[in-house]
Each structure stands twice: as C-alpha cells, then as structure tokens.
Amino acid sequence: MAKQNDTLKYMKEEVWPKTKKEVERGIKEAKKILNKSEKYLKTVSEKGVKQTKKVSLAIKKEKLYYDLGKTVACVKLENWSSNKKIEAILGEIKALDRKTARIK
C-alpha cells in the first residue's frame, strides 16, 4: 500500500503540474487553430455563395437567349425592333449582366 501511495503522491506532485501546463498550452493552440479555420471557412463559404450566384445568373441568361432565339424565329425581320417580347427579353438579359457584374 505504501508504494501505491508513493506513486500517487509522485504523480500528483511531479507529473501532473507538467502535464497540466502542456494540456493548457495544447488547448490554447487548438483555440488559435479553430479561430483561423473558422475565418477560412467563412471566406470559402462566401466565395462559394458568390460563385453559385454567378452560375445561377449565367443559367438564367442562357435560358433567356434560348427564349430570344425562339421568339426571333417566329417574328419577321422587319418587326424585330418593334416586338415587345424581344425588347423585354433583351432588357432581362441586360439586367442579368448588371447583376453579374455587381458580384465580385
């Protein structure tokens, strides 16, 4: 029983203070790493959101080009400049271009 008490006393007085310091230092380093990774994750997420918005707008623009092509195919050449549907589609395409340009 004496050896066991000596071992516990040695662990409590000699080993634990050193171990405690190392554990506390490890916790501080882990917090620093977590803060850095959190900032990086936010940056990556924001970039991903912006990229997703750009792709979404590009897809909408492609659909408008498709609709414009269908409309132009049905309208005579002389009536292109006065056709309200063509003008509306061109306006939407320009608006999407402005929205895409605003995303940095």
PDB file of N, CA and C in Angstrom:
ATOM      1  N   MET A   1       0.818  -1.183   0.000  1.00  0.00           N
ATOM      2  CA  MET A   1       0.000   0.000   0.000  1.00  0.00           C
ATOM      3  C   MET A   1       0.870   1.258   0.000  1.00  0.00           C
ATOM      4  N   ALA A   2       2.003   1.180   0.597  1.00  0.00           N
ATOM      5  CA  ALA A   2       2.895   2.331   0.669  1.00  0.00           C
ATOM      6  C   ALA A   2       3.405   2.719  -0.712  1.00  0.00           C
ATOM      7  N   LYS A   3       3.715   1.708  -1.540  1.00  0.00           N
ATOM      8  CA  LYS A   3       4.207   2.009  -2.882  1.00  0.00           C
ATOM      9  C   LYS A   3       3.128   2.700  -3.717  1.00  0.00           C
ATOM     10  N   GLN A   4       1.911   2.255  -3.556  1.00  0.00           N
ATOM     11  CA  GLN A   4       0.820   2.847  -4.325  1.00  0.00           C
ATOM     12  C   GLN A   4       0.613   4.304  -3.906  1.00  0.00           C
ATOM     13  N   ASN A   5       0.674   4.581  -2.630  1.00  0.00           N
ATOM     14  CA  ASN A   5       0.541   5.956  -2.147  1.00  0.00           C
ATOM     15  C   ASN A   5       1.700   6.812  -2.630  1.00  0.00           C
ATOM     16  N   ASP A   6       2.921   6.235  -2.631  1.00  0.00           N
ATOM     17  CA  ASP A   6       4.080   6.977  -3.123  1.00  0.00           C
ATOM     18  C   ASP A   6       3.921   7.305  -4.606  1.00  0.00           C
ATOM     19  N   THR A   7       3.408   6.361  -5.356  1.00  0.00           N
ATOM     20  CA  THR A   7       3.216   6.567  -6.787  1.00  0.00           C
ATOM     21  C   THR A   7       2.178   7.663  -7.034  1.00  0.00           C
ATOM     22  N   LEU A   8       1.085   7.611  -6.302  1.00  0.00           N
ATOM     23  CA  LEU A   8       0.045   8.635  -6.447  1.00  0.00           C
ATOM     24  C   LEU A   8       0.572  10.010  -6.044  1.00  0.00           C
ATOM     25  N   LYS A   9       1.342  10.046  -4.948  1.00  0.00           N
ATOM     26  CA  LYS A   9       1.920  11.303  -4.491  1.00  0.00           C
ATOM     27  C   LYS A   9       2.889  11.859  -5.539  1.00  0.00           C
ATOM     28  N   TYR A  10       3.710  10.985  -6.096  1.00  0.00           N
ATOM     29  CA  TYR A  10       4.668  11.395  -7.135  1.00  0.00           C
ATOM     30  C   TYR A  10       3.920  11.935  -8.362  1.00  0.00           C
ATOM     31  N   MET A  11       2.874  11.218  -8.775  1.00  0.00           N
ATOM     32  CA  MET A  11       2.088  11.647  -9.943  1.00  0.00           C
ATOM     33  C   MET A  11       1.432  13.001  -9.675  1.00  0.00           C
ATOM     34  N   LYS A  12       0.897  13.159  -8.461  1.00  0.00           N
ATOM     35  CA  LYS A  12       0.196  14.384  -8.110  1.00  0.00           C
ATOM     36  C   LYS A  12       1.153  15.567  -8.019  1.00  0.00           C
ATOM     37  N   GLU A  13       2.303  15.367  -7.448  1.00  0.00           N
ATOM     38  CA  GLU A  13       3.222  16.471  -7.190  1.00  0.00           C
ATOM     39  C   GLU A  13       4.200  16.740  -8.344  1.00  0.00           C
ATOM     40  N   GLU A  14       4.613  15.714  -9.058  1.00  0.00           N
ATOM     41  CA  GLU A  14       5.650  15.874 -10.074  1.00  0.00           C
ATOM     42  C   GLU A  14       5.109  15.856 -11.504  1.00  0.00           C
ATOM     43  N   VAL A  15       4.299  14.888 -11.789  1.00  0.00           N
ATOM     44  CA  VAL A  15       3.870  14.690 -13.178  1.00  0.00           C
ATOM     45  C   VAL A  15       2.698  15.604 -13.552  1.00  0.00           C
ATOM     46  N   TRP A  16       1.709  15.703 -12.680  1.00  0.00           N
ATOM     47  CA  TRP A  16       0.503  16.438 -13.029  1.00  0.00           C
ATOM     48  C   TRP A  16       0.761  17.910 -13.339  1.00  0.00           C
ATOM     49  N   PRO A  17       1.562  18.672 -12.592  1.00  0.00           N
ATOM     50  CA  PRO A  17       1.789  20.085 -12.948  1.00  0.00           C
ATOM     51  C   PRO A  17       2.370  20.255 -14.353  1.00  0.00           C
ATOM     52  N   LYS A  18       3.306  19.405 -14.722  1.00  0.00           N
ATOM     53  CA  LYS A  18       3.890  19.487 -16.066  1.00  0.00           C
ATOM     54  C   LYS A  18       2.854  19.123 -17.124  1.00  0.00           C
ATOM     55  N   THR A  19       2.105  18.090 -16.848  1.00  0.00           N
ATOM     56  CA  THR A  19       1.076  17.634 -17.783  1.00  0.00           C
ATOM     57  C   THR A  19      -0.006  18.699 -17.929  1.00  0.00           C
ATOM     58  N   LYS A  20      -0.378  19.314 -16.821  1.00  0.00           N
ATOM     59  CA  LYS A  20      -1.413  20.348 -16.837  1.00  0.00           C
ATOM     60  C   LYS A  20      -0.975  21.523 -17.704  1.00  0.00           C
ATOM     61  N   LYS A  21       0.288  21.946 -17.570  1.00  0.00           N
ATOM     62  CA  LYS A  21       0.802  23.035 -18.394  1.00  0.00           C
ATOM     63  C   LYS A  21       0.735  22.680 -19.879  1.00  0.00           C
ATOM     64  N   GLU A  22       1.129  21.460 -20.205  1.00  0.00           N
ATOM     65  CA  GLU A  22       1.111  21.021 -21.607  1.00  0.00           C
ATOM     66  C   GLU A  22      -0.314  20.944 -22.153  1.00  0.00           C
ATOM     67  N   VAL A  23      -1.232  20.470 -21.321  1.00  0.00           N
ATOM     68  CA  VAL A  23      -2.634  20.379 -21.743  1.00  0.00           C
ATOM     69  C   VAL A  23      -3.197  21.783 -21.971  1.00  0.00           C
ATOM     70  N   GLU A  24      -2.917  22.710 -21.065  1.00  0.00           N
ATOM     71  CA  GLU A  24      -3.391  24.086 -21.225  1.00  0.00           C
ATOM     72  C   GLU A  24      -2.801  24.736 -22.471  1.00  0.00           C
ATOM     73  N   ARG A  25      -1.518  24.495 -22.717  1.00  0.00           N
ATOM     74  CA  ARG A  25      -0.882  25.033 -23.921  1.00  0.00           C
ATOM     75  C   ARG A  25      -1.514  24.426 -25.175  1.00  0.00           C
ATOM     76  N   GLY A  26      -1.790  23.136 -25.117  1.00  0.00           N
ATOM     77  CA  GLY A  26      -2.448  22.470 -26.251  1.00  0.00           C
ATOM     78  C   GLY A  26      -3.834  23.038 -26.504  1.00  0.00           C
ATOM     79  N   ILE A  27      -4.558  23.348 -25.450  1.00  0.00           N
ATOM     80  CA  ILE A  27      -5.897  23.932 -25.592  1.00  0.00           C
ATOM     81  C   ILE A  27      -5.804  25.320 -26.231  1.00  0.00           C
ATOM     82  N   LYS A  28      -4.829  26.123 -25.797  1.00  0.00           N
ATOM     83  CA  LYS A  28      -4.654  27.455 -26.382  1.00  0.00           C
ATOM     84  C   LYS A  28      -4.327  27.352 -27.874  1.00  0.00           C
ATOM     85  N   GLU A  29      -3.450  26.436 -28.220  1.00  0.00           N
ATOM     86  CA  GLU A  29      -3.084  26.256 -29.637  1.00  0.00           C
ATOM     87  C   GLU A  29      -4.282  25.769 -30.448  1.00  0.00           C
ATOM     88  N   ALA A  30      -5.066  24.881 -29.863  1.00  0.00           N
ATOM     89  CA  ALA A  30      -6.252  24.381 -30.558  1.00  0.00           C
ATOM     90  C   ALA A  30      -7.246  25.515 -30.812  1.00  0.00           C
ATOM     91  N   LYS A  31      -7.392  26.421 -29.818  1.00  0.00           N
ATOM     92  CA  LYS A  31      -8.293  27.558 -29.996  1.00  0.00           C
ATOM     93  C   LYS A  31      -7.810  28.462 -31.130  1.00  0.00           C
ATOM     94  N   LYS A  32      -6.505  28.701 -31.190  1.00  0.00           N
ATOM     95  CA  LYS A  32      -5.952  29.531 -32.265  1.00  0.00           C
ATOM     96  C   LYS A  32      -6.231  28.901 -33.626  1.00  0.00           C
ATOM     97  N   ILE A  33      -5.996  27.606 -33.723  1.00  0.00           N
ATOM     98  CA  ILE A  33      -6.218  26.898 -34.985  1.00  0.00           C
ATOM     99  C   ILE A  33      -7.694  26.930 -35.368  1.00  0.00           C
ATOM    100  N   LEU A  34      -8.575  26.744 -34.388  1.00  0.00           N
ATOM    101  CA  LEU A  34     -10.010  26.779 -34.664  1.00  0.00           C
ATOM    102  C   LEU A  34     -10.449  28.161 -35.135  1.00  0.00           C
ATOM    103  N   ASN A  35      -9.901  29.213 -34.545  1.00  0.00           N
ATOM    104  CA  ASN A  35     -10.244  30.568 -34.986  1.00  0.00           C
ATOM    105  C   ASN A  35      -9.794  30.800 -36.423  1.00  0.00           C
ATOM    106  N   LYS A  36      -8.580  30.367 -36.748  1.00  0.00           N
ATOM    107  CA  LYS A  36      -8.085  30.521 -38.109  1.00  0.00           C
ATOM    108  C   LYS A  36      -8.934  29.721 -39.088  1.00  0.00           C
ATOM    109  N   SER A  37      -9.273  28.503 -38.700  1.00  0.00           N
ATOM    110  CA  SER A  37     -10.066  27.665 -39.608  1.00  0.00           C
ATOM    111  C   SER A  37     -11.474  28.216 -39.769  1.00  0.00           C
ATOM    112  N   GLU A  38     -12.014  28.829 -38.727  1.00  0.00           N
ATOM    113  CA  GLU A  38     -13.340  29.435 -38.824  1.00  0.00           C
ATOM    114  C   GLU A  38     -13.326  30.590 -39.824  1.00  0.00           C
ATOM    115  N   LYS A  39     -12.302  31.440 -39.745  1.00  0.00           N
ATOM    116  CA  LYS A  39     -12.184  32.553 -40.685  1.00  0.00           C
ATOM    117  C   LYS A  39     -12.039  32.039 -42.116  1.00  0.00           C
ATOM    118  N   TYR A  40     -11.212  31.010 -42.279  1.00  0.00           N
ATOM    119  CA  TYR A  40     -11.005  30.442 -43.611  1.00  0.00           C
ATOM    120  C   TYR A  40     -12.305  29.846 -44.146  1.00  0.00           C
ATOM    121  N   LEU A  41     -13.026  29.143 -43.293  1.00  0.00           N
ATOM    122  CA  LEU A  41     -14.282  28.526 -43.702  1.00  0.00           C
ATOM    123  C   LEU A  41     -15.299  29.583 -44.118  1.00  0.00           C
ATOM    124  N   LYS A  42     -15.358  30.695 -43.376  1.00  0.00           N
ATOM    125  CA  LYS A  42     -16.266  31.774 -43.750  1.00  0.00           C
ATOM    126  C   LYS A  42     -15.892  32.356 -45.110  1.00  0.00           C
ATOM    127  N   THR A  43     -14.591  32.550 -45.321  1.00  0.00           N
ATOM    128  CA  THR A  43     -14.122  33.092 -46.591  1.00  0.00           C
ATOM    129  C   THR A  43     -14.488  32.162 -47.745  1.00  0.00           C
ATOM    130  N   VAL A  44     -14.228  30.888 -47.558  1.00  0.00           N
ATOM    131  CA  VAL A  44     -14.535  29.910 -48.601  1.00  0.00           C
ATOM    132  C   VAL A  44     -16.038  29.845 -48.850  1.00  0.00           C
ATOM    133  N   SER A  45     -16.830  29.907 -47.789  1.00  0.00           N
ATOM    134  CA  SER A  45     -18.287  29.864 -47.941  1.00  0.00           C
ATOM    135  C   SER A  45     -18.792  31.077 -48.716  1.00  0.00           C
ATOM    136  N   GLU A  46     -18.262  32.254 -48.377  1.00  0.00           N
ATOM    137  CA  GLU A  46     -18.687  33.462 -49.085  1.00  0.00           C
ATOM    138  C   GLU A  46     -18.322  33.387 -50.559  1.00  0.00           C
ATOM    139  N   LYS A  47     -17.137  32.889 -50.851  1.00  0.00           N
ATOM    140  CA  LYS A  47     -16.729  32.742 -52.251  1.00  0.00           C
ATOM    141  C   LYS A  47     -17.636  31.740 -52.959  1.00  0.00           C
ATOM    142  N   GLY A  48     -17.978  30.670 -52.270  1.00  0.00           N
ATOM    143  CA  GLY A  48     -18.860  29.663 -52.857  1.00  0.00           C
ATOM    144  C   GLY A  48     -20.236  30.211 -53.157  1.00  0.00           C
ATOM    145  N   VAL A  49     -20.761  31.029 -52.244  1.00  0.00           N
ATOM    146  CA  VAL A  49     -22.076  31.636 -52.455  1.00  0.00           C
ATOM    147  C   VAL A  49     -22.034  32.560 -53.665  1.00  0.00           C
ATOM    148  N   LYS A  50     -20.982  33.362 -53.756  1.00  0.00           N
ATOM    149  CA  LYS A  50     -20.856  34.273 -54.895  1.00  0.00           C
ATOM    150  C   LYS A  50     -20.754  33.500 -56.202  1.00  0.00           C
ATOM    151  N   GLN A  51     -19.970  32.441 -56.189  1.00  0.00           N
ATOM    152  CA  GLN A  51     -19.801  31.636 -57.398  1.00  0.00           C
ATOM    153  C   GLN A  51     -21.126  30.977 -57.791  1.00  0.00           C
ATOM    154  N   THR A  52     -21.869  30.514 -56.807  1.00  0.00           N
ATOM    155  CA  THR A  52     -23.167  29.891 -57.071  1.00  0.00           C
ATOM    156  C   THR A  52     -24.134  30.904 -57.666  1.00  0.00           C
ATOM    157  N   LYS A  53     -24.122  32.125 -57.136  1.00  0.00           N
ATOM    158  CA  LYS A  53     -24.993  33.169 -57.682  1.00  0.00           C
ATOM    159  C   LYS A  53     -24.630  33.471 -59.132  1.00  0.00           C
ATOM    160  N   LYS A  54     -23.328  33.559 -59.412  1.00  0.00           N
ATOM    161  CA  LYS A  54     -22.892  33.831 -60.785  1.00  0.00           C
ATOM    162  C   LYS A  54     -23.347  32.725 -61.728  1.00  0.00           C
ATOM    163  N   VAL A  55     -23.200  31.484 -61.312  1.00  0.00           N
ATOM    164  CA  VAL A  55     -23.614  30.359 -62.154  1.00  0.00           C
ATOM    165  C   VAL A  55     -25.124  30.385 -62.360  1.00  0.00           C
ATOM    166  N   SER A  56     -25.864  30.688 -61.311  1.00  0.00           N
ATOM    167  CA  SER A  56     -27.320  30.765 -61.422  1.00  0.00           C
ATOM    168  C   SER A  56     -27.738  31.836 -62.412  1.00  0.00           C
ATOM    169  N   LEU A  57     -27.104  32.993 -62.319  1.00  0.00           N
ATOM    170  CA  LEU A  57     -27.426  34.079 -63.259  1.00  0.00           C
ATOM    171  C   LEU A  57     -27.035  33.706 -64.687  1.00  0.00           C
ATOM    172  N   ALA A  58     -25.919  33.011 -64.843  1.00  0.00           N
ATOM    173  CA  ALA A  58     -25.490  32.585 -66.178  1.00  0.00           C
ATOM    174  C   ALA A  58     -26.493  31.604 -66.782  1.00  0.00           C
ATOM    175  N   ILE A  59     -27.022  30.717 -65.954  1.00  0.00           N
ATOM    176  CA  ILE A  59     -28.015  29.756 -66.448  1.00  0.00           C
ATOM    177  C   ILE A  59     -29.299  30.484 -66.857  1.00  0.00           C
ATOM    178  N   LYS A  60     -29.720  31.444 -66.052  1.00  0.00           N
ATOM    179  CA  LYS A  60     -30.910  32.221 -66.401  1.00  0.00           C
ATOM    180  C   LYS A  60     -30.689  32.961 -67.717  1.00  0.00           C
ATOM    181  N   LYS A  61     -29.493  33.505 -67.876  1.00  0.00           N
ATOM    182  CA  LYS A  61     -29.164  34.238 -69.102  1.00  0.00           C
ATOM    183  C   LYS A  61     -29.207  33.308 -70.314  1.00  0.00           C
ATOM    184  N   GLU A  62     -28.683  32.110 -70.174  1.00  0.00           N
ATOM    185  CA  GLU A  62     -28.719  31.125 -71.270  1.00  0.00           C
ATOM    186  C   GLU A  62     -30.157  30.792 -71.637  1.00  0.00           C
ATOM    187  N   LYS A  63     -31.017  30.657 -70.633  1.00  0.00           N
ATOM    188  CA  LYS A  63     -32.422  30.366 -70.914  1.00  0.00           C
ATOM    189  C   LYS A  63     -33.063  31.537 -71.661  1.00  0.00           C
ATOM    190  N   LEU A  64     -32.702  32.760 -71.279  1.00  0.00           N
ATOM    191  CA  LEU A  64     -33.240  33.927 -71.981  1.00  0.00           C
ATOM    192  C   LEU A  64     -32.759  33.971 -73.429  1.00  0.00           C
ATOM    193  N   TYR A  65     -31.504  33.594 -73.660  1.00  0.00           N
ATOM    194  CA  TYR A  65     -31.013  33.528 -75.044  1.00  0.00           C
ATOM    195  C   TYR A  65     -31.809  32.487 -75.842  1.00  0.00           C
ATOM    196  N   TYR A  66     -32.119  31.398 -75.209  1.00  0.00           N
ATOM    197  CA  TYR A  66     -32.916  30.354 -75.869  1.00  0.00           C
ATOM    198  C   TYR A  66     -34.302  30.909 -76.210  1.00  0.00           C
ATOM    199  N   ASP A  67     -34.930  31.568 -75.230  1.00  0.00           N
ATOM    200  CA  ASP A  67     -36.254  32.158 -75.465  1.00  0.00           C
ATOM    201  C   ASP A  67     -36.193  33.231 -76.545  1.00  0.00           C
ATOM    202  N   LEU A  68     -35.117  34.017 -76.527  1.00  0.00           N
ATOM    203  CA  LEU A  68     -34.947  35.049 -77.542  1.00  0.00           C
ATOM    204  C   LEU A  68     -34.846  34.413 -78.932  1.00  0.00           C
ATOM    205  N   GLY A  69     -34.105  33.356 -79.038  1.00  0.00           N
ATOM    206  CA  GLY A  69     -33.970  32.663 -80.319  1.00  0.00           C
ATOM    207  C   GLY A  69     -35.302  32.131 -80.823  1.00  0.00           C
ATOM    208  N   LYS A  70     -36.084  31.540 -79.915  1.00  0.00           N
ATOM    209  CA  LYS A  70     -37.406  31.038 -80.310  1.00  0.00           C
ATOM    210  C   LYS A  70     -38.310  32.185 -80.770  1.00  0.00           C
ATOM    211  N   THR A  71     -38.247  33.284 -80.059  1.00  0.00           N
ATOM    212  CA  THR A  71     -39.090  34.433 -80.404  1.00  0.00           C
ATOM    213  C   THR A  71     -38.675  35.043 -81.737  1.00  0.00           C
ATOM    214  N   VAL A  72     -37.365  35.214 -81.907  1.00  0.00           N
ATOM    215  CA  VAL A  72     -36.855  35.799 -83.156  1.00  0.00           C
ATOM    216  C   VAL A  72     -37.211  34.909 -84.337  1.00  0.00           C
ATOM    217  N   ALA A  73     -37.194  33.608 -84.146  1.00  0.00           N
ATOM    218  CA  ALA A  73     -37.513  32.680 -85.238  1.00  0.00           C
ATOM    219  C   ALA A  73     -38.972  32.810 -85.682  1.00  0.00           C
ATOM    220  N   CYS A  74     -39.835  33.241 -84.769  1.00  0.00           N
ATOM    221  CA  CYS A  74     -41.261  33.351 -85.089  1.00  0.00           C
ATOM    222  C   CYS A  74     -41.657  34.738 -85.618  1.00  0.00           C
ATOM    223  N   VAL A  75     -40.768  35.717 -85.471  1.00  0.00           N
ATOM    224  CA  VAL A  75     -41.102  37.089 -85.850  1.00  0.00           C
ATOM    225  C   VAL A  75     -40.371  37.444 -87.149  1.00  0.00           C
ATOM    226  N   LYS A  76     -41.027  38.188 -88.000  1.00  0.00           N
ATOM    227  CA  LYS A  76     -40.398  38.623 -89.248  1.00  0.00           C
ATOM    228  C   LYS A  76     -39.302  39.628 -88.934  1.00  0.00           C
ATOM    229  N   LEU A  77     -38.297  39.675 -89.797  1.00  0.00           N
ATOM    230  CA  LEU A  77     -37.137  40.542 -89.608  1.00  0.00           C
ATOM    231  C   LEU A  77     -37.532  42.016 -89.467  1.00  0.00           C
ATOM    232  N   GLU A  78     -38.507  42.441 -90.216  1.00  0.00           N
ATOM    233  CA  GLU A  78     -38.927  43.843 -90.169  1.00  0.00           C
ATOM    234  C   GLU A  78     -39.521  44.215 -88.812  1.00  0.00           C
ATOM    235  N   ASN A  79     -40.071  43.245 -88.112  1.00  0.00           N
ATOM    236  CA  ASN A  79     -40.779  43.520 -86.855  1.00  0.00           C
ATOM    237  C   ASN A  79     -39.908  43.306 -85.605  1.00  0.00           C
ATOM    238  N   TRP A  80     -38.655  42.954 -85.775  1.00  0.00           N
ATOM    239  CA  TRP A  80     -37.792  42.680 -84.618  1.00  0.00           C
ATOM    240  C   TRP A  80     -37.656  43.896 -83.708  1.00  0.00           C
ATOM    241  N   SER A  81     -37.433  45.059 -84.295  1.00  0.00           N
ATOM    242  CA  SER A  81     -37.193  46.251 -83.475  1.00  0.00           C
ATOM    243  C   SER A  81     -38.439  46.722 -82.734  1.00  0.00           C
ATOM    244  N   SER A  82     -39.610  46.384 -83.227  1.00  0.00           N
ATOM    245  CA  SER A  82     -40.851  46.844 -82.588  1.00  0.00           C
ATOM    246  C   SER A  82     -41.531  45.752 -81.745  1.00  0.00           C
ATOM    247  N   ASN A  83     -40.964  44.569 -81.709  1.00  0.00           N
ATOM    248  CA  ASN A  83     -41.579  43.479 -80.960  1.00  0.00           C
ATOM    249  C   ASN A  83     -41.306  43.646 -79.469  1.00  0.00           C
ATOM    250  N   LYS A  84     -42.379  43.728 -78.676  1.00  0.00           N
ATOM    251  CA  LYS A  84     -42.241  43.967 -77.240  1.00  0.00           C
ATOM    252  C   LYS A  84     -41.641  42.764 -76.514  1.00  0.00           C
ATOM    253  N   LYS A  85     -41.916  41.582 -76.976  1.00  0.00           N
ATOM    254  CA  LYS A  85     -41.380  40.388 -76.318  1.00  0.00           C
ATOM    255  C   LYS A  85     -39.853  40.333 -76.484  1.00  0.00           C
ATOM    256  N   ILE A  86     -39.371  40.662 -77.664  1.00  0.00           N
ATOM    257  CA  ILE A  86     -37.924  40.688 -77.908  1.00  0.00           C
ATOM    258  C   ILE A  86     -37.271  41.758 -77.036  1.00  0.00           C
ATOM    259  N   GLU A  87     -37.902  42.947 -76.975  1.00  0.00           N
ATOM    260  CA  GLU A  87     -37.365  44.017 -76.147  1.00  0.00           C
ATOM    261  C   GLU A  87     -37.321  43.620 -74.673  1.00  0.00           C
ATOM    262  N   ALA A  88     -38.368  42.935 -74.217  1.00  0.00           N
ATOM    263  CA  ALA A  88     -38.422  42.510 -72.813  1.00  0.00           C
ATOM    264  C   ALA A  88     -37.306  41.508 -72.499  1.00  0.00           C
ATOM    265  N   ILE A  89     -37.100  40.568 -73.402  1.00  0.00           N
ATOM    266  CA  ILE A  89     -36.050  39.568 -73.190  1.00  0.00           C
ATOM    267  C   ILE A  89     -34.674  40.226 -73.197  1.00  0.00           C
ATOM    268  N   LEU A  90     -34.455  41.142 -74.132  1.00  0.00           N
ATOM    269  CA  LEU A  90     -33.167  41.854 -74.177  1.00  0.00           C
ATOM    270  C   LEU A  90     -32.952  42.677 -72.903  1.00  0.00           C
ATOM    271  N   GLY A  91     -34.028  43.281 -72.398  1.00  0.00           N
ATOM    272  CA  GLY A  91     -33.936  44.031 -71.139  1.00  0.00           C
ATOM    273  C   GLY A  91     -33.561  43.127 -69.969  1.00  0.00           C
ATOM    274  N   GLU A  92     -34.157  41.945 -69.921  1.00  0.00           N
ATOM    275  CA  GLU A  92     -33.837  40.990 -68.857  1.00  0.00           C
ATOM    276  C   GLU A  92     -32.380  40.529 -68.953  1.00  0.00           C
ATOM    277  N   ILE A  93     -31.914  40.315 -70.170  1.00  0.00           N
ATOM    278  CA  ILE A  93     -30.515  39.899 -70.366  1.00  0.00           C
ATOM    279  C   ILE A  93     -29.573  40.993 -69.871  1.00  0.00           C
ATOM    280  N   LYS A  94     -29.876  42.236 -70.189  1.00  0.00           N
ATOM    281  CA  LYS A  94     -29.042  43.352 -69.726  1.00  0.00           C
ATOM    282  C   LYS A  94     -29.068  43.459 -68.198  1.00  0.00           C
ATOM    283  N   ALA A  95     -30.228  43.249 -67.612  1.00  0.00           N
ATOM    284  CA  ALA A  95     -30.346  43.300 -66.146  1.00  0.00           C
ATOM    285  C   ALA A  95     -29.509  42.199 -65.498  1.00  0.00           C
ATOM    286  N   LEU A  96     -29.540  41.005 -66.084  1.00  0.00           N
ATOM    287  CA  LEU A  96     -28.734  39.910 -65.556  1.00  0.00           C
ATOM    288  C   LEU A  96     -27.237  40.207 -65.695  1.00  0.00           C
ATOM    289  N   ASP A  97     -26.855  40.859 -66.784  1.00  0.00           N
ATOM    290  CA  ASP A  97     -25.450  41.256 -66.959  1.00  0.00           C
ATOM    291  C   ASP A  97     -25.030  42.234 -65.854  1.00  0.00           C
ATOM    292  N   ARG A  98     -25.917  43.178 -65.536  1.00  0.00           N
ATOM    293  CA  ARG A  98     -25.594  44.138 -64.465  1.00  0.00           C
ATOM    294  C   ARG A  98     -25.483  43.420 -63.109  1.00  0.00           C
ATOM    295  N   LYS A  99     -26.397  42.503 -62.838  1.00  0.00           N
ATOM    296  CA  LYS A  99     -26.350  41.757 -61.571  1.00  0.00           C
ATOM    297  C   LYS A  99     -25.066  40.935 -61.470  1.00  0.00           C
ATOM    298  N   THR A 100     -24.695  40.315 -62.571  1.00  0.00           N
ATOM    299  CA  THR A 100     -23.465  39.512 -62.580  1.00  0.00           C
ATOM    300  C   THR A 100     -22.240  40.386 -62.369  1.00  0.00           C
ATOM    301  N   ALA A 101     -22.241  41.567 -62.952  1.00  0.00           N
ATOM    302  CA  ALA A 101     -21.096  42.476 -62.805  1.00  0.00           C
ATOM    303  C   ALA A 101     -20.967  42.979 -61.362  1.00  0.00           C
ATOM    304  N   ARG A 102     -22.091  43.103 -60.643  1.00  0.00           N
ATOM    305  CA  ARG A 102     -22.060  43.580 -59.258  1.00  0.00           C
ATOM    306  C   ARG A 102     -21.467  42.557 -58.300  1.00  0.00           C
ATOM    307  N   ILE A 103     -21.554  41.292 -58.660  1.00  0.00           N
ATOM    308  CA  ILE A 103     -21.000  40.237 -57.799  1.00  0.00           C
ATOM    309  C   ILE A 103     -19.496  40.215 -58.010  1.00  0.00           C
ATOM    310  N   LYS A 104     -18.758  40.436 -56.937  1.00  0.00           N
ATOM    311  CA  LYS A 104     -17.291  40.475 -57.055  1.00  0.00           C
ATOM    312  C   LYS A 104     -16.677  39.242 -56.478  1.00  0.00           C
TER     313      LYS A 104
END
